[in-house]
Each structure stands twice: as C-alpha cells, then as structure tokens.
C-alpha cells in the first residue's frame, strides 16, 4: 500500500491555551513495500505522524492517501479499512487483556466478524510467524509469559488482522539487546515474506541502518531529512545539529578512512554491520566463522 502525506499539519488543543502545532505541512510519499525508519528526538512528531494512519488522529489540514482512500480533516478512515493498518504501540504488551493467548490474538479478527475457522487459522499462523508454538501457548495466560513472549503475542494480534501496512512505534523499548534483535529480525522477515509496507519508529540509528531501506528524520514537526540510509548517514553534521548520531558502523568507517590512504578508503555505503564485517573479512582474507 502506497502512503502519501499532502501538506499535512496537526495541532493539539486547537483553540485552547494549550494549542501546539505538532506537524507542519508534511508532504512525502512512501512507496508500497518499503521498510521505512522514522527517526527523531522525543517531541519531533514521529508518533503524531504515524497515528494519522489508522484513524487515531485526523489531520488539522492537508490530506493523506492510503492507495485509493483519502483522509482529510472531515473525512476519516472508514472502519472497514482500519484492518489494513496494523499499529504496534511502544510496550505493546500493555495492549494484552484477554485470559488466554489465543483469545487475545483472535480478538481483532473476531471484531471484524470473520468466520471462526478463519480466525483460528489466522491466530495459529500469526503466533507461528512471531516464533511461538500455537499448541503449546494458546491456552496460557499472556500475563504469565516472559516480557519478550508477551511482546510477540501482542505483535501476533496485529498480524492476525493481515494488515497491508505495519506501523511500529518503538516496539523493542525496554528489551535487552538479544530481545530487541529477535523481535526486529522477526518483523523484517514478516515484512519481506508478506510484502508489507512497514514503518518503524526508533531512536536507534543502528536499528534503522540494519533494517530500513528508506529513512525519515523528524525535527520540530517537520521532515528534516529523508532518503536512502546511505544518503542520510552522509549528512553527519546535520544529524549532529538535530542531536542525532550516525550509526557506530558509519562512525567507524569514517575514523578508519581518516587513517587510510585515499586509494584504500572503505566505501561509505557500509552502514550495515554485517556488510562492514564481510567487507573487512574479504579485505583481510579472514574466513567466515562456521
């Protein structure tokens, strides 16, 4: 699903003493099938931007196009199309509420009056997509699971709706590095296999570098930078002005190139950790670990 923001602004508390312009005439297009990383400091407008996609917020001005659906200040996202947008909030386990895992994951499809057989099939498939065994976990209380498992169950509940767009608002917040990687690797695999349009809000430049094929850098309610990761990471000084750092891989390549002769410089396109390691192994003739 292609997403277009056309001169979209959003104001909180309009007409009150607490009036605040959170988005300022945002115009951008996200091609169908993209994996977009949305980066920026707290208060930059990231969460406000994504909450327009499933009808939680309406634009104060401008319009949003989700393929053939148009959202304006007076025209909301139709209820029947909300299933197309799957939104995973920060700390998604807080969205859990049912007495069993199966009931929690199946709640969304049941709410759209899907046949019971289809609901069970989607529930089983969604749990297995996030790496959980349906038969082992379906009757357990979600609140007796580990933090990482609870988060996977919450994401499975969104996937059970079979959305065309997956929107994730810092889904790995509070997890340890291994837990973060496991969740994001699973999401990236789902993105590829189901050909979703995926938007990932993150504070981590490393996560953005590893998974996104396009980046939006938000600042003060506007898009300060956008483009392919390599293009954005080349703007190190501007990122610093926005209180953001380049990924450690980019900083490492920069430091190494300061010490290497010009004809031996490392490519600046090596912003993904795996790509940098592979390049250095080849240059140093070090075999891959088995």
Protein backbone atom coordinates (compact mmCIF):
# COMPACT_ATOMS: atom_id res chain seq x y z
CA UNK A 1 0.00 0.00 0.00
CA UNK A 2 1.41 3.40 -1.01
CA UNK A 3 1.10 6.18 1.57
CA UNK A 4 1.10 9.87 0.69
CA UNK A 5 1.04 12.85 3.04
CA UNK A 6 -0.01 16.01 1.22
CA UNK A 7 0.60 19.24 3.19
CA UNK A 8 -0.49 17.55 6.44
CA UNK A 9 -0.49 19.57 9.65
CA UNK A 10 -1.76 18.56 13.07
CA UNK A 11 -2.49 20.82 16.01
CA UNK A 12 -3.14 19.55 19.52
CA UNK A 13 -5.54 21.51 21.70
CA UNK A 14 -6.70 23.79 18.89
CA UNK A 15 -8.45 26.88 20.24
CA UNK A 16 -7.24 26.29 23.81
CA UNK A 17 -4.37 27.81 25.81
CA UNK A 18 -2.52 24.51 25.26
CA UNK A 19 -2.57 24.76 21.47
CA UNK A 20 0.53 23.16 19.92
CA UNK A 21 1.41 22.57 16.28
CA UNK A 22 2.90 19.05 16.21
CA UNK A 23 3.10 18.53 12.43
CA UNK A 24 3.83 21.32 9.97
CA UNK A 25 2.75 20.82 6.35
CA UNK A 26 4.28 17.37 5.91
CA UNK A 27 4.50 16.20 2.30
CA UNK A 28 6.03 12.82 1.45
CA UNK A 29 5.33 9.55 -0.35
CA UNK A 30 6.12 6.08 0.96
CA UNK A 31 6.13 3.53 -1.88
CA UNK A 32 4.31 0.25 -1.37
CA UNK A 33 6.60 -2.45 0.03
CA UNK A 34 9.07 -0.04 1.65
CA UNK A 35 10.61 -0.54 5.08
CA UNK A 36 10.83 3.00 6.45
CA UNK A 37 12.76 4.01 9.55
CA UNK A 38 11.39 7.13 11.28
CA UNK A 39 13.99 8.80 13.48
CA UNK A 40 13.99 11.88 15.68
CA UNK A 41 14.22 13.18 19.19
CA UNK A 42 11.29 12.95 21.62
CA UNK A 43 8.71 15.56 20.61
CA UNK A 44 9.84 15.69 16.99
CA UNK A 45 6.46 14.48 15.68
CA UNK A 46 7.20 10.80 14.97
CA UNK A 47 4.30 9.31 16.92
CA UNK A 48 1.90 12.03 15.81
CA UNK A 49 2.75 11.25 12.20
CA UNK A 50 2.04 7.52 12.40
CA UNK A 51 -1.15 7.89 14.45
CA UNK A 52 -2.78 9.52 11.43
CA UNK A 53 -2.54 6.26 9.51
CA UNK A 54 -5.14 4.19 11.38
CA UNK A 55 -7.54 6.94 12.35
CA UNK A 56 -6.32 7.64 15.89
CA UNK A 57 -5.68 11.22 14.79
CA UNK A 58 -7.16 13.29 11.98
CA UNK A 59 -5.16 15.97 10.16
CA UNK A 60 -5.90 19.56 11.09
CA UNK A 61 -5.19 20.44 7.47
CA UNK A 62 -3.99 18.65 4.34
CA UNK A 63 -4.82 15.11 3.28
CA UNK A 64 -3.46 11.56 3.50
CA UNK A 65 -3.84 8.98 0.73
CA UNK A 66 -3.72 5.27 1.52
CA UNK A 67 -3.91 3.89 -2.00
CA UNK A 68 -7.45 4.89 -3.03
CA UNK A 69 -8.60 6.05 0.43
CA UNK A 70 -8.40 9.78 1.18
CA UNK A 71 -8.24 11.09 4.77
CA UNK A 72 -8.93 14.77 5.43
CA UNK A 73 -9.96 16.85 8.47
CA UNK A 74 -13.59 15.98 7.71
CA UNK A 75 -13.15 12.54 6.13
CA UNK A 76 -11.97 9.79 8.47
CA UNK A 77 -10.54 6.37 7.65
CA UNK A 78 -13.50 4.02 7.00
CA UNK A 79 -13.96 1.38 9.70
CA UNK A 80 -13.74 -1.41 7.12
CA UNK A 81 -10.29 -0.20 6.03
CA UNK A 82 -8.76 0.06 9.51
CA UNK A 83 -7.83 -3.60 9.35
CA UNK A 84 -5.38 -2.61 6.56
CA UNK A 85 -3.25 -0.68 9.08
CA UNK A 86 -1.63 -2.62 11.90
CA UNK A 87 -0.28 -0.37 14.66
CA UNK A 88 2.03 -1.75 17.34
CA UNK A 89 2.49 0.74 20.17
CA UNK A 90 5.52 1.19 22.39
CA UNK A 91 5.34 -1.51 25.09
CA UNK A 92 2.74 -3.47 23.07
CA UNK A 93 2.31 -5.98 25.90
CA UNK A 94 0.23 -3.27 27.62
CA UNK A 95 -2.35 -3.94 24.89
CA UNK A 96 -2.90 -7.50 26.15
CA UNK A 97 -6.10 -8.06 28.10
CA UNK A 98 -7.68 -11.48 27.39
CA UNK A 99 -7.43 -14.53 29.65
CA UNK A 100 -5.62 -16.70 27.11
CA UNK A 101 -3.11 -16.08 24.34
CA UNK A 102 -5.44 -17.47 21.67
CA UNK A 103 -8.32 -15.21 22.74
CA UNK A 104 -6.06 -12.16 22.74
CA UNK A 105 -4.63 -12.78 19.27
CA UNK A 106 -8.05 -13.62 17.82
CA UNK A 107 -9.81 -10.56 19.26
CA UNK A 108 -9.18 -8.32 16.22
CA UNK A 109 -10.36 -10.75 13.53
CA UNK A 110 -13.45 -11.63 15.62
CA UNK A 111 -14.23 -7.93 15.89
CA UNK A 112 -14.49 -7.82 12.10
CA UNK A 113 -16.94 -10.76 12.08
CA UNK A 114 -14.67 -13.21 10.30
CA UNK A 115 -15.68 -16.91 10.28
CA UNK A 116 -14.46 -18.90 13.31
CA UNK A 117 -12.37 -21.27 11.16
CA UNK A 118 -10.58 -18.34 9.53
CA UNK A 119 -9.99 -16.69 12.90
CA UNK A 120 -8.39 -19.85 14.31
CA UNK A 121 -6.24 -20.25 11.19
CA UNK A 122 -5.05 -16.64 11.38
CA UNK A 123 -4.34 -16.95 15.11
CA UNK A 124 -2.24 -20.08 14.62
CA UNK A 125 -0.35 -18.60 11.67
CA UNK A 126 0.33 -15.26 13.40
CA UNK A 127 1.71 -16.89 16.54
CA UNK A 128 3.97 -19.13 14.48
CA UNK A 129 5.16 -16.14 12.43
CA UNK A 130 6.46 -14.50 15.62
CA UNK A 131 8.14 -17.73 16.72
CA UNK A 132 5.59 -19.08 19.21
CA UNK A 133 4.13 -22.60 19.10
CA UNK A 134 0.33 -22.29 18.87
CA UNK A 135 -0.46 -25.62 20.53
CA UNK A 136 1.93 -25.00 23.42
CA UNK A 137 0.92 -21.44 24.15
CA UNK A 138 -2.70 -20.92 23.04
CA UNK A 139 -4.32 -21.74 26.41
CA UNK A 140 -1.79 -19.96 28.60
CA UNK A 141 -2.44 -16.58 30.18
CA UNK A 142 -0.45 -13.90 28.33
CA UNK A 143 0.41 -12.38 31.70
CA UNK A 144 2.34 -15.48 32.75
CA UNK A 145 4.74 -15.20 29.82
CA UNK A 146 8.15 -13.55 29.71
CA UNK A 147 8.38 -9.93 28.58
CA UNK A 148 9.67 -10.90 25.15
CA UNK A 149 6.94 -13.53 24.70
CA UNK A 150 4.23 -11.05 25.74
CA UNK A 151 5.50 -8.62 23.14
CA UNK A 152 5.43 -11.33 20.47
CA UNK A 153 1.85 -12.19 21.38
CA UNK A 154 0.85 -8.52 21.06
CA UNK A 155 2.50 -8.30 17.63
CA UNK A 156 0.79 -11.55 16.61
CA UNK A 157 -2.55 -9.93 17.48
CA UNK A 158 -1.81 -7.17 14.98
CA UNK A 159 -0.60 -9.62 12.31
CA UNK A 160 -3.78 -11.68 12.69
CA UNK A 161 -5.62 -8.78 11.06
CA UNK A 162 -3.42 -9.36 7.98
CA UNK A 163 -2.67 -5.65 7.52
CA UNK A 164 -1.20 -4.19 4.38
CA UNK A 165 0.75 -1.63 6.42
CA UNK A 166 2.61 -2.46 9.63
CA UNK A 167 3.38 0.54 11.84
CA UNK A 168 5.67 0.01 14.84
CA UNK A 169 6.22 2.70 17.47
CA UNK A 170 9.49 1.66 19.16
CA UNK A 171 8.38 -1.97 19.59
CA UNK A 172 11.65 -3.01 21.27
CA UNK A 173 11.69 -0.35 24.02
CA UNK A 174 12.85 -1.81 27.31
CA UNK A 175 14.13 -5.11 25.91
CA UNK A 176 17.71 -6.33 26.22
CA UNK A 177 19.88 -6.38 23.05
CA UNK A 178 19.12 -10.06 22.31
CA UNK A 179 15.38 -9.46 22.74
CA UNK A 180 15.47 -6.39 20.51
CA UNK A 181 17.29 -8.23 17.76
CA UNK A 182 14.95 -11.24 17.93
CA UNK A 183 11.83 -9.06 17.63
CA UNK A 184 13.20 -6.93 14.79
CA UNK A 185 14.60 -9.87 12.85
CA UNK A 186 11.14 -11.44 13.01
CA UNK A 187 9.46 -8.22 11.89
CA UNK A 188 11.88 -7.83 8.99
CA UNK A 189 11.23 -11.40 7.89
CA UNK A 190 7.45 -10.82 8.06
CA UNK A 191 7.90 -7.62 6.05
CA UNK A 192 9.70 -9.50 3.27
CA UNK A 193 7.50 -12.59 3.22
CA UNK A 194 4.18 -10.74 3.30
CA UNK A 195 5.39 -7.79 1.20
CA UNK A 196 4.12 -5.27 3.72
CA UNK A 197 4.72 -1.55 3.81
CA UNK A 198 6.44 -1.17 7.18
CA UNK A 199 7.11 1.95 9.23
CA UNK A 200 9.44 1.63 12.23
CA UNK A 201 9.74 4.48 14.71
CA UNK A 202 13.03 4.14 16.55
CA UNK A 203 15.61 6.12 18.50
CA UNK A 204 18.31 3.67 17.41
CA UNK A 205 20.38 4.56 14.38
CA UNK A 206 21.77 1.03 14.44
CA UNK A 207 18.28 -0.46 14.09
CA UNK A 208 17.44 1.99 11.31
CA UNK A 209 20.65 1.13 9.46
CA UNK A 210 20.14 -2.61 9.78
CA UNK A 211 16.52 -2.89 8.65
CA UNK A 212 15.25 0.21 6.80
CA UNK A 213 15.58 0.87 3.10
CA UNK A 214 14.37 4.46 3.49
CA UNK A 215 14.68 6.95 6.34
CA UNK A 216 12.65 9.91 7.55
CA UNK A 217 14.36 12.18 10.07
CA UNK A 218 11.85 14.26 12.01
CA UNK A 219 12.57 17.52 13.82
CA UNK A 220 10.14 20.05 15.27
CA UNK A 221 7.15 18.62 13.42
CA UNK A 222 8.85 18.59 10.03
CA UNK A 223 10.85 16.17 7.88
CA UNK A 224 14.40 17.44 8.25
CA UNK A 225 15.98 14.70 6.12
CA UNK A 226 14.75 11.82 4.01
CA UNK A 227 16.29 9.33 1.63
CA UNK A 228 18.12 6.02 1.43
CA UNK A 229 20.10 5.25 4.62
CA UNK A 230 23.47 5.84 2.94
CA UNK A 231 22.36 9.29 1.76
CA UNK A 232 21.05 10.28 5.20
CA UNK A 233 24.08 9.00 7.11
CA UNK A 234 26.38 11.08 4.91
CA UNK A 235 24.78 14.17 6.49
CA UNK A 236 26.65 13.63 9.76
CA UNK A 237 26.95 17.32 10.64
CA UNK A 238 23.25 17.97 10.08
CA UNK A 239 22.35 14.91 12.14
CA UNK A 240 24.57 16.23 14.94
CA UNK A 241 22.71 19.55 14.80
CA UNK A 242 19.50 17.57 15.24
CA UNK A 243 21.04 15.87 18.33
CA UNK A 244 21.32 12.57 16.48
CA UNK A 245 24.34 10.35 15.93
CA UNK A 246 25.28 8.29 12.91
CA UNK A 247 25.38 4.50 13.45
CA UNK A 248 28.55 3.16 15.05
CA UNK A 249 29.43 1.44 11.76
CA UNK A 250 29.35 4.77 9.89
CA UNK A 251 31.48 6.43 12.60
CA UNK A 252 33.94 3.53 12.45
CA UNK A 253 34.27 3.72 8.65
CA UNK A 254 34.86 7.47 8.95
CA UNK A 255 37.59 7.02 11.58
CA UNK A 256 39.30 4.28 9.55
CA UNK A 257 39.23 6.38 6.38
CA UNK A 258 40.95 9.23 8.24
CA UNK A 259 43.91 6.87 8.77
CA UNK A 260 43.92 5.08 5.41
CA UNK A 261 45.45 6.33 2.14
CA UNK A 262 42.89 7.72 -0.29
CA UNK A 263 43.14 4.70 -2.58
CA UNK A 264 42.36 2.34 0.32
CA UNK A 265 39.29 4.09 1.74
CA UNK A 266 36.37 1.93 2.81
CA UNK A 267 33.10 2.54 0.91
CA UNK A 268 30.76 4.88 2.78
CA UNK A 269 27.88 2.55 1.82
CA UNK A 270 29.00 0.11 4.54
CA UNK A 271 26.49 1.26 7.16
CA UNK A 272 25.08 -2.20 7.97
CA UNK A 273 27.13 -4.14 10.49
CA UNK A 274 27.06 -7.42 8.55
CA UNK A 275 28.14 -5.70 5.32
CA UNK A 276 31.06 -3.97 7.07
CA UNK A 277 32.21 -7.21 8.70
CA UNK A 278 32.04 -9.10 5.39
CA UNK A 279 33.98 -6.34 3.61
CA UNK A 280 36.71 -6.27 6.27
CA UNK A 281 37.00 -10.08 6.24
CA UNK A 282 37.45 -10.09 2.47
CA UNK A 283 39.99 -7.29 2.64
CA UNK A 284 41.92 -9.03 5.39
CA UNK A 285 41.35 -12.52 3.89
CA UNK A 286 39.72 -13.77 7.09
CA UNK A 287 37.39 -16.78 6.52
CA UNK A 288 33.81 -16.59 7.80
CA UNK A 289 33.04 -18.30 11.10
CA UNK A 290 31.05 -21.51 10.75
